Amino acid sequence: MHRKNNVQDNSDINIGIIGPKALVDQTRETLKTFPNFKPVFRIIEPTSLITEITRELMNDVEVLMFTEYHSYNIVKQVVDFIIPVHHMPLMGTGLYRSLFIIKSRYSLKCLSIDTVEEKYVEQILSELEEVNYELLIYKNPLQSTIIEEIVQFHIDNYQNYNAIALTGIQDVAIQLSARHIPHEWVTPTQQDMIVSLERALLATNTRRNKESQIVFGLINIDNFKGVTEKYSSEHDVQLLKLTIQQMLLDYIKLLDGHLINLGGEEYSFITTRGIFERETRGYKFIPLLQDIKNELGITISLGVGFGRTAAEAGNHARLALRQSKDLGGNVCYIVREDRSVLGPVDITSHKQYERYNLAITDPHLLDKAEKAGMSASYMTKLMARVSRHKKIDYTAQELASTLNVTIRSANRILLKWMDAELVDIVGEEKLAHKGRPRRIYRLSFIEEEQR
């Protein structure tokens, strides 16, 4: 008997990813731009019992994603799905890429095809201006794809018609390589994966339940006093304020939201989570930041709060704005209902998300943070940024690059951490040219937190 899947009332959506290692690793990277997903990975091999893996995983996640149609097709014949299940279709830029590679290396005169829809191949061949071609399609009326049969199908077509194999199955590609049969393994591109994961996100109950949840935002003009001092008259200052407000109104209109001028340099807005997620493309795209900087030469900070009540969302927006200000402005941070932080949401860069709890709770680390003269939230942010690089041994120069600060600031931070017994000196890095060796510091507090 299946155990009913209990979805917790939090911001994370558990998604199961099933596929061969190469595609699972690629999906792992793509999922870094989906902060709502908490992935559970299952790597399958030719000997794996994929139906048992699926049944087990289905009880622990809210949605399933197969990276190969072949695996999905096998499982759906024998498993009654109790949650939304998706596969990454081979019909987008990945298929176009594979056909283009075949065209460049061989020719598209004769193709031997499995698990890829014939109509999509024909559509792309038409776009590539191919006219005289032949498609040999593996037909399987019983819907039971046997690897050995498919491999033999491609071998026969190559020997009889000099056909180039186009396969959507890694196991088939491996066996064709061993036999030196020309082929191309069709895999989804990152764009294909993004589309598939967005479709999976929309299918989850958690996402649908949060569609109408209130989102509260705060907008603050960075260094407003310094900005206004550049203007010689109050009239010009008032014109600037009107221009800023008009740009904010135009953007909030896209969110179907309501903008409120709180006076001076601060504004608030209210919208719903579903619209906010769609317009920001899953918290990845806020053009307002760059538009205001380009047009007016000023920057703004955004703080966005999610919550189960309007009051909670408002409090979280204020906390999120504080995170944006701490980073220096011109960014947006989000504090979710579980008080975890996402950000920076910044179109001007391709940084990965930082994701961390709003404050550490370990009293031992809190005491050390206080000795280092920094707030718990700031220390947690530094921990998230450093640990994201999967590295705990740094020189001052490397730490400066990681934290996006000057070398002088990095040295000052390291000295504070040493005084608070948060780091240890573990060695020296000798330079190829003349100069003093650089000390190597181990950030032991991150190691402790991870344990």
Protein backbone atom coordinates (compact mmCIF):
# COMPACT_ATOMS: atom_id res chain seq x y z
CA MET A 1 0.00 0.00 0.00
CA HIS A 2 1.29 3.45 -0.85
CA ARG A 3 1.93 5.82 2.00
CA LYS A 4 0.18 9.08 1.34
CA ASN A 5 2.63 11.85 0.60
CA ASN A 6 2.47 14.53 3.27
CA VAL A 7 3.50 17.89 1.86
CA GLN A 8 4.79 20.17 4.58
CA ASP A 9 3.53 23.71 4.74
CA ASN A 10 6.77 25.44 3.88
CA SER A 11 8.36 27.09 0.88
CA ASP A 12 10.29 24.05 -0.34
CA ILE A 13 8.80 21.71 -2.92
CA ASN A 14 10.38 18.26 -2.96
CA ILE A 15 11.04 17.10 -6.52
CA GLY A 16 12.40 13.69 -7.46
CA ILE A 17 14.88 13.57 -10.35
CA ILE A 18 15.43 10.17 -11.99
CA GLY A 19 17.91 9.56 -14.81
CA PRO A 20 21.45 8.61 -15.84
CA LYS A 21 24.30 10.37 -14.05
CA ALA A 22 25.19 12.72 -16.92
CA LEU A 23 21.66 14.13 -17.13
CA VAL A 24 21.15 14.17 -13.37
CA ASP A 25 24.34 16.24 -12.98
CA GLN A 26 23.12 18.64 -15.69
CA THR A 27 19.73 18.93 -13.97
CA ARG A 28 21.46 19.55 -10.64
CA GLU A 29 23.11 22.65 -12.12
CA THR A 30 19.87 23.90 -13.70
CA LEU A 31 18.00 23.49 -10.39
CA LYS A 32 20.26 26.11 -8.81
CA THR A 33 18.02 28.70 -10.49
CA PHE A 34 14.88 27.16 -8.92
CA PRO A 35 15.06 28.12 -5.24
CA ASN A 36 11.61 26.64 -4.48
CA PHE A 37 12.69 23.11 -5.42
CA LYS A 38 14.34 20.80 -2.93
CA PRO A 39 15.61 18.00 -5.19
CA VAL A 40 16.02 14.33 -4.38
CA PHE A 41 18.22 12.62 -6.99
CA ARG A 42 18.19 8.99 -8.08
CA ILE A 43 20.83 7.91 -10.60
CA ILE A 44 19.84 4.88 -12.67
CA GLU A 45 22.08 2.40 -14.47
CA PRO A 46 21.26 -0.48 -16.87
CA THR A 47 20.90 -2.85 -13.90
CA SER A 48 18.74 -0.51 -11.80
CA LEU A 49 15.22 -1.56 -10.76
CA ILE A 50 13.69 1.67 -11.97
CA THR A 51 10.09 0.83 -11.04
CA GLU A 52 11.08 0.13 -7.43
CA ILE A 53 13.14 3.31 -7.31
CA THR A 54 10.13 5.27 -8.56
CA ARG A 55 7.67 3.74 -6.10
CA GLU A 56 9.99 4.47 -3.18
CA LEU A 57 10.73 8.02 -4.26
CA MET A 58 7.10 8.83 -5.00
CA ASN A 59 6.28 8.73 -1.28
CA ASP A 60 8.86 11.38 -0.41
CA VAL A 61 8.35 14.04 -3.11
CA GLU A 62 5.55 16.16 -4.52
CA VAL A 63 6.45 15.83 -8.19
CA LEU A 64 8.66 13.50 -10.26
CA MET A 65 10.86 14.34 -13.24
CA PHE A 66 12.44 11.74 -15.54
CA THR A 67 15.37 13.04 -17.55
CA GLU A 68 14.81 10.39 -20.27
CA TYR A 69 11.51 9.50 -21.96
CA HIS A 70 12.65 5.87 -22.19
CA SER A 71 12.70 5.50 -18.40
CA TYR A 72 9.39 7.30 -17.98
CA ASN A 73 7.80 5.05 -20.62
CA ILE A 74 8.93 1.88 -18.81
CA VAL A 75 7.64 3.01 -15.43
CA LYS A 76 4.26 4.32 -16.54
CA GLN A 77 3.31 0.83 -17.82
CA VAL A 78 3.46 -0.72 -14.34
CA VAL A 79 3.25 2.08 -11.76
CA ASP A 80 0.11 3.97 -10.75
CA PHE A 81 1.32 7.49 -10.21
CA ILE A 82 -0.10 9.24 -7.14
CA ILE A 83 1.67 12.57 -7.82
CA PRO A 84 2.37 14.64 -10.97
CA VAL A 85 5.03 12.96 -13.13
CA HIS A 86 6.91 14.63 -15.98
CA HIS A 87 9.71 13.81 -18.41
CA MET A 88 12.03 16.09 -20.35
CA PRO A 89 10.74 15.89 -23.94
CA LEU A 90 13.22 15.73 -26.81
CA MET A 91 11.60 18.35 -28.99
CA GLY A 92 13.34 21.65 -28.32
CA THR A 93 16.80 23.11 -28.64
CA GLY A 94 18.41 19.79 -27.66
CA LEU A 95 16.96 18.05 -30.72
CA TYR A 96 17.92 20.99 -32.93
CA ARG A 97 21.48 20.82 -31.59
CA SER A 98 21.76 17.06 -32.28
CA LEU A 99 20.46 17.36 -35.84
CA PHE A 100 22.80 20.26 -36.51
CA ILE A 101 25.76 18.18 -35.24
CA ILE A 102 24.78 15.27 -37.53
CA LYS A 103 24.45 17.67 -40.46
CA SER A 104 27.94 19.06 -39.76
CA ARG A 105 29.66 15.67 -39.26
CA TYR A 106 27.79 13.40 -41.64
CA SER A 107 24.60 14.22 -43.52
CA LEU A 108 20.89 14.20 -42.90
CA LYS A 109 20.01 12.03 -45.90
CA CYS A 110 19.06 9.00 -43.80
CA LEU A 111 18.35 8.92 -40.07
CA SER A 112 17.62 5.94 -37.82
CA ILE A 113 15.47 7.23 -34.94
CA ASP A 114 14.21 5.97 -31.59
CA THR A 115 12.19 7.66 -28.77
CA VAL A 116 12.11 10.97 -30.65
CA GLU A 117 8.87 12.18 -32.24
CA GLU A 118 9.02 12.00 -36.04
CA LYS A 119 7.05 15.23 -36.51
CA TYR A 120 9.57 17.24 -34.46
CA VAL A 121 12.46 15.86 -36.51
CA GLU A 122 10.65 16.75 -39.74
CA GLN A 123 9.94 20.26 -38.47
CA ILE A 124 13.60 20.96 -37.68
CA LEU A 125 14.81 19.37 -40.93
CA SER A 126 12.53 21.78 -42.74
CA GLU A 127 14.09 24.69 -40.82
CA LEU A 128 17.55 23.37 -41.80
CA GLU A 129 16.34 23.43 -45.43
CA GLU A 130 16.67 19.68 -45.87
CA VAL A 131 14.41 18.22 -48.57
CA ASN A 132 15.66 14.80 -49.71
CA TYR A 133 15.89 12.67 -46.60
CA GLU A 134 14.63 9.37 -45.24
CA LEU A 135 13.58 8.69 -41.66
CA LEU A 136 13.67 5.13 -40.32
CA ILE A 137 11.60 5.09 -37.14
CA TYR A 138 11.78 2.40 -34.46
CA LYS A 139 8.18 1.26 -34.03
CA ASN A 140 7.21 -0.41 -30.81
CA PRO A 141 3.47 -1.13 -30.62
CA LEU A 142 3.83 -2.96 -27.28
CA GLN A 143 5.42 0.12 -25.66
CA SER A 144 8.16 -2.08 -24.15
CA THR A 145 11.48 -0.65 -25.23
CA ILE A 146 14.20 -3.33 -25.09
CA ILE A 147 17.68 -1.84 -25.40
CA GLU A 148 19.15 -4.76 -27.37
CA GLU A 149 16.37 -4.54 -29.97
CA ILE A 150 16.86 -0.81 -30.44
CA VAL A 151 20.64 -1.18 -30.77
CA GLN A 152 20.19 -3.92 -33.40
CA PHE A 153 17.66 -1.72 -35.22
CA HIS A 154 20.25 1.05 -35.57
CA ILE A 155 23.01 -1.39 -36.57
CA ASP A 156 20.85 -2.90 -39.33
CA ASN A 157 19.93 0.54 -40.65
CA TYR A 158 23.56 1.63 -40.72
CA GLN A 159 24.69 -1.51 -42.53
CA ASN A 160 21.81 -1.53 -45.03
CA TYR A 161 21.20 2.18 -45.64
CA ASN A 162 24.22 3.97 -44.12
CA ALA A 163 21.77 5.63 -41.70
CA ILE A 164 22.99 7.80 -38.82
CA ALA A 165 21.43 6.85 -35.49
CA LEU A 166 19.52 9.46 -33.49
CA THR A 167 18.74 8.11 -30.03
CA GLY A 168 17.24 9.50 -26.85
CA ILE A 169 18.63 6.70 -24.65
CA GLN A 170 22.09 6.84 -23.09
CA ASP A 171 22.41 3.04 -22.89
CA VAL A 172 21.81 2.77 -26.63
CA ALA A 173 24.38 5.49 -27.33
CA ILE A 174 26.97 3.66 -25.20
CA GLN A 175 26.47 0.37 -27.06
CA LEU A 176 26.56 2.08 -30.46
CA SER A 177 29.84 3.76 -29.49
CA ALA A 178 31.31 0.37 -28.54
CA ARG A 179 30.39 -0.92 -32.01
CA HIS A 180 31.67 2.25 -33.77
CA ILE A 181 28.25 3.02 -35.23
CA PRO A 182 27.81 6.75 -36.09
CA HIS A 183 25.15 8.22 -33.81
CA GLU A 184 24.06 11.20 -31.76
CA TRP A 185 22.57 11.01 -28.26
CA VAL A 186 19.84 13.65 -28.00
CA THR A 187 19.95 15.34 -24.62
CA PRO A 188 17.99 18.36 -23.38
CA THR A 189 19.79 21.68 -23.25
CA GLN A 190 19.62 23.85 -20.14
CA GLN A 191 16.81 25.82 -21.78
CA ASP A 192 14.84 22.60 -22.36
CA MET A 193 15.37 21.64 -18.73
CA ILE A 194 14.22 25.05 -17.50
CA VAL A 195 10.98 24.74 -19.48
CA SER A 196 10.37 21.22 -18.12
CA LEU A 197 11.10 22.21 -14.52
CA GLU A 198 8.83 25.26 -14.79
CA ARG A 199 6.05 22.97 -16.03
CA ALA A 200 6.66 20.64 -13.08
CA LEU A 201 6.59 23.55 -10.64
CA LEU A 202 3.20 24.72 -11.90
CA ALA A 203 1.79 21.19 -11.44
CA THR A 204 2.48 21.00 -7.70
CA ASN A 205 -0.18 21.54 -5.04
CA THR A 206 2.21 23.67 -3.00
CA ARG A 207 2.67 26.05 -5.92
CA ARG A 208 -1.07 26.24 -6.65
CA ASN A 209 -1.88 26.84 -2.98
CA LYS A 210 0.56 29.76 -2.87
CA GLU A 211 -0.75 31.33 -6.09
CA SER A 212 -2.87 33.93 -4.24
CA GLN A 213 -0.56 34.38 -1.24
CA ILE A 214 0.16 38.02 -0.36
CA VAL A 215 3.62 39.33 -1.27
CA PHE A 216 4.78 42.53 0.43
CA GLY A 217 7.67 44.54 -0.98
CA LEU A 218 9.73 47.52 0.18
CA ILE A 219 11.72 49.76 -2.18
CA ASN A 220 14.37 52.11 -0.86
CA ILE A 221 16.43 54.63 -2.84
CA ASP A 222 20.10 54.08 -2.04
CA ASN A 223 21.93 57.05 -0.51
CA PHE A 224 18.93 59.31 -1.10
CA LYS A 225 20.44 62.20 0.84
CA GLY A 226 23.59 62.11 -1.30
CA VAL A 227 21.48 61.95 -4.47
CA THR A 228 19.40 65.03 -3.58
CA GLU A 229 22.48 67.07 -2.64
CA LYS A 230 23.52 66.98 -6.30
CA TYR A 231 20.48 69.08 -7.25
CA SER A 232 20.60 72.84 -6.87
CA SER A 233 16.88 73.44 -6.26
CA GLU A 234 13.97 71.78 -4.49
CA HIS A 235 12.09 71.91 -7.79
CA ASP A 236 14.61 69.56 -9.41
CA VAL A 237 14.45 67.22 -6.40
CA GLN A 238 10.66 67.05 -6.69
CA LEU A 239 10.93 66.28 -10.43
CA LEU A 240 13.33 63.44 -9.63
CA LYS A 241 10.87 62.03 -7.10
CA LEU A 242 8.06 62.19 -9.64
CA THR A 243 10.18 60.41 -12.24
CA ILE A 244 11.13 57.67 -9.78
CA GLN A 245 7.51 57.23 -8.72
CA GLN A 246 6.36 56.97 -12.34
CA MET A 247 8.94 54.27 -13.09
CA LEU A 248 7.87 52.38 -9.97
CA LEU A 249 4.20 52.69 -10.91
CA ASP A 250 4.91 51.30 -14.38
CA TYR A 251 6.72 48.28 -12.93
CA ILE A 252 4.17 47.57 -10.17
CA LYS A 253 1.47 47.71 -12.86
CA LEU A 254 3.17 44.70 -14.48
CA LEU A 255 2.81 42.91 -11.15
CA ASP A 256 -0.90 43.85 -10.92
CA GLY A 257 0.13 45.33 -7.61
CA HIS A 258 -0.54 48.41 -5.49
CA LEU A 259 2.22 50.99 -4.83
CA ILE A 260 2.30 53.19 -1.71
CA ASN A 261 4.64 56.16 -1.19
CA LEU A 262 5.83 55.94 2.40
CA GLY A 263 7.47 59.37 2.20
CA GLY A 264 11.02 60.38 1.39
CA GLU A 265 13.04 57.62 -0.17
CA GLU A 266 10.85 54.60 0.58
CA TYR A 267 7.91 52.90 -1.13
CA SER A 268 5.96 49.72 -0.51
CA PHE A 269 3.97 47.48 -2.83
CA ILE A 270 1.58 44.57 -2.52
CA THR A 271 0.98 41.84 -5.09
CA THR A 272 0.32 38.09 -5.17
CA ARG A 273 2.93 35.37 -5.19
CA GLY A 274 1.77 33.75 -8.43
CA ILE A 275 2.10 36.99 -10.41
CA PHE A 276 5.39 37.88 -8.71
CA GLU A 277 6.91 34.49 -9.58
CA ARG A 278 5.79 34.72 -13.20
CA GLU A 279 6.97 38.30 -13.78
CA THR A 280 10.33 37.66 -12.09
CA ARG A 281 10.67 34.33 -13.96
CA GLY A 282 11.04 32.43 -10.74
CA TYR A 283 12.93 35.16 -8.83
CA LYS A 284 15.57 35.57 -11.55
CA PHE A 285 14.57 38.76 -13.38
CA ILE A 286 13.87 42.25 -11.98
CA PRO A 287 14.59 44.79 -14.76
CA LEU A 288 13.53 47.70 -12.55
CA LEU A 289 16.94 47.67 -10.84
CA GLN A 290 18.86 48.22 -14.06
CA ASP A 291 16.25 50.51 -15.67
CA ILE A 292 16.40 53.05 -12.84
CA LYS A 293 20.19 52.90 -12.75
CA ASN A 294 20.47 53.44 -16.51
CA GLU A 295 17.88 56.23 -16.78
CA LEU A 296 18.48 58.18 -13.56
CA GLY A 297 21.98 57.17 -12.50
CA ILE A 298 20.76 56.06 -9.06
CA THR A 299 20.27 52.66 -7.47
CA ILE A 300 17.51 51.17 -5.38
CA SER A 301 17.27 48.30 -2.92
CA LEU A 302 14.34 45.89 -2.81
CA GLY A 303 13.16 43.68 0.01
CA VAL A 304 10.36 41.19 -0.65
CA GLY A 305 8.57 39.26 2.05
CA PHE A 306 6.41 36.14 1.88
CA GLY A 307 4.18 35.20 4.76
CA ARG A 308 1.12 33.34 5.90
CA THR A 309 -0.41 36.68 6.93
CA ALA A 310 -0.01 40.23 5.61
CA ALA A 311 1.71 41.26 8.85
CA GLU A 312 4.23 38.43 8.55
CA ALA A 313 4.92 39.28 4.91
CA GLY A 314 5.49 42.93 5.87
CA ASN A 315 7.93 42.02 8.63
CA HIS A 316 9.83 39.72 6.28
CA ALA A 317 10.00 42.46 3.63
CA ARG A 318 11.72 44.74 6.16
CA LEU A 319 14.22 41.99 7.01
CA ALA A 320 14.84 41.38 3.30
CA LEU A 321 15.43 45.08 2.65
CA ARG A 322 18.03 45.05 5.42
CA GLN A 323 19.84 42.22 3.60
CA SER A 324 19.85 44.25 0.37
CA LYS A 325 21.18 47.32 2.15
CA ASP A 326 23.91 45.27 3.86
CA LEU A 327 25.12 44.12 0.45
CA GLY A 328 25.45 47.71 -0.76
CA GLY A 329 22.19 48.19 -2.63
CA ASN A 330 21.09 47.74 -6.25
CA VAL A 331 19.83 44.22 -5.46
CA CYS A 332 16.72 42.46 -4.22
CA TYR A 333 16.53 39.88 -1.46
CA ILE A 334 13.54 37.73 -0.51
CA VAL A 335 12.67 36.44 2.96
CA ARG A 336 10.24 33.55 2.80
CA GLU A 337 7.64 32.40 5.33
CA ASP A 338 10.15 30.03 6.99
CA ARG A 339 12.54 33.01 7.38
CA SER A 340 14.99 31.60 4.89
CA VAL A 341 16.63 34.16 2.59
CA LEU A 342 16.96 34.07 -1.21
CA GLY A 343 19.09 36.39 -3.26
CA PRO A 344 20.48 38.40 -4.71
CA VAL A 345 17.86 38.72 -7.43
CA ASP A 346 19.91 40.82 -9.80
CA ILE A 347 19.61 40.99 -13.60
CA THR A 348 23.00 42.67 -13.86
CA SER A 349 24.87 39.51 -12.94
CA HIS A 350 24.74 35.75 -13.31
CA LYS A 351 25.48 34.98 -9.68
CA GLN A 352 24.07 31.86 -8.12
CA TYR A 353 21.53 32.29 -5.37
CA GLU A 354 22.69 32.60 -1.83
CA ARG A 355 20.34 30.64 0.34
CA TYR A 356 20.55 30.70 4.10
CA ASN A 357 18.49 30.94 7.25
CA LEU A 358 18.01 34.44 8.57
CA ALA A 359 20.16 33.82 11.64
CA ILE A 360 22.21 31.04 13.13
CA THR A 361 20.89 29.49 16.34
CA ASP A 362 23.92 27.57 17.60
CA PRO A 363 24.80 29.40 20.86
CA HIS A 364 28.49 28.46 20.46
CA LEU A 365 28.65 30.12 17.03
CA LEU A 366 26.52 33.05 18.18
CA ASP A 367 29.03 33.73 20.94
CA LYS A 368 31.91 33.62 18.44
CA ALA A 369 30.02 35.92 16.05
CA GLU A 370 29.59 38.43 18.86
CA LYS A 371 33.32 38.26 19.64
CA ALA A 372 34.05 38.89 15.96
CA GLY A 373 31.97 42.06 16.14
CA MET A 374 29.39 41.02 13.56
CA SER A 375 25.68 40.31 13.61
CA ALA A 376 24.47 36.72 13.39
CA SER A 377 22.64 37.44 10.13
CA TYR A 378 25.75 38.96 8.54
CA MET A 379 27.91 36.06 9.66
CA THR A 380 25.33 33.60 8.28
CA LYS A 381 25.37 35.39 4.95
CA LEU A 382 29.16 35.14 4.77
CA MET A 383 28.94 31.46 5.68
CA ALA A 384 26.46 30.86 2.85
CA ARG A 385 28.58 32.68 0.30
CA VAL A 386 31.78 30.88 1.26
CA SER A 387 30.26 27.42 1.68
CA ARG A 388 28.61 27.73 -1.75
CA HIS A 389 32.09 27.36 -3.25
CA LYS A 390 32.60 24.03 -1.42
CA LYS A 391 35.90 25.29 -0.06
CA ILE A 392 37.02 26.15 3.47
CA ASP A 393 40.77 26.88 2.95
CA TYR A 394 41.52 30.41 1.63
CA THR A 395 44.21 32.99 1.28
CA ALA A 396 43.15 36.57 1.98
CA GLN A 397 43.20 37.24 -1.78
CA GLU A 398 40.91 34.27 -2.51
CA LEU A 399 38.50 35.22 0.26
CA ALA A 400 38.32 38.80 -1.05
CA SER A 401 37.31 37.48 -4.47
CA THR A 402 34.73 35.10 -2.98
CA LEU A 403 33.13 37.74 -0.75
CA ASN A 404 33.43 40.48 -3.39
CA VAL A 405 35.35 42.77 -1.02
CA THR A 406 38.78 44.41 -1.11
CA ILE A 407 41.85 42.52 0.06
CA ARG A 408 42.16 45.00 2.94
CA SER A 409 38.59 44.18 4.04
CA ALA A 410 39.28 40.44 3.71
CA ASN A 411 42.37 40.78 5.93
CA ARG A 412 40.34 42.76 8.48
CA ILE A 413 37.61 40.07 8.49
CA LEU A 414 40.18 37.30 8.90
CA LEU A 415 41.80 39.08 11.85
CA LYS A 416 38.42 39.40 13.58
CA TRP A 417 37.67 35.74 12.90
CA MET A 418 41.07 34.70 14.26
CA ASP A 419 40.50 36.70 17.46
CA ALA A 420 37.11 34.98 17.83
CA GLU A 421 38.68 31.55 17.13
CA LEU A 422 36.61 31.10 13.98
CA VAL A 423 39.56 30.40 11.65
CA ASP A 424 42.90 28.63 11.88
CA ILE A 425 46.14 29.14 9.96
CA VAL A 426 46.92 25.80 8.26
CA GLY A 427 49.82 26.66 5.95
CA GLU A 428 51.45 29.06 3.55
CA GLU A 429 51.29 29.49 -0.21
CA LYS A 430 54.70 30.22 -1.76
CA LEU A 431 54.62 32.63 -4.68
CA ALA A 432 56.37 31.93 -7.97
CA HIS A 433 57.76 35.49 -7.99
CA LYS A 434 59.44 37.39 -5.20
CA GLY A 435 57.30 38.26 -2.23
CA ARG A 436 56.17 37.08 1.17
CA PRO A 437 54.32 33.76 1.28
CA ARG A 438 50.54 34.05 1.67
CA ARG A 439 48.92 32.53 4.72
CA ILE A 440 46.26 29.87 4.17
CA TYR A 441 43.32 30.11 6.56
CA ARG A 442 40.86 27.32 7.35
CA LEU A 443 37.33 28.56 8.07
CA SER A 444 36.67 26.10 10.86
CA PHE A 445 33.35 27.69 11.85
CA ILE A 446 31.79 26.59 8.54
CA GLU A 447 33.05 23.06 9.13
CA GLU A 448 31.46 23.12 12.59
CA GLU A 449 28.14 24.44 11.28
CA GLN A 450 27.98 21.77 8.58
CA ARG A 451 28.62 19.05 11.14
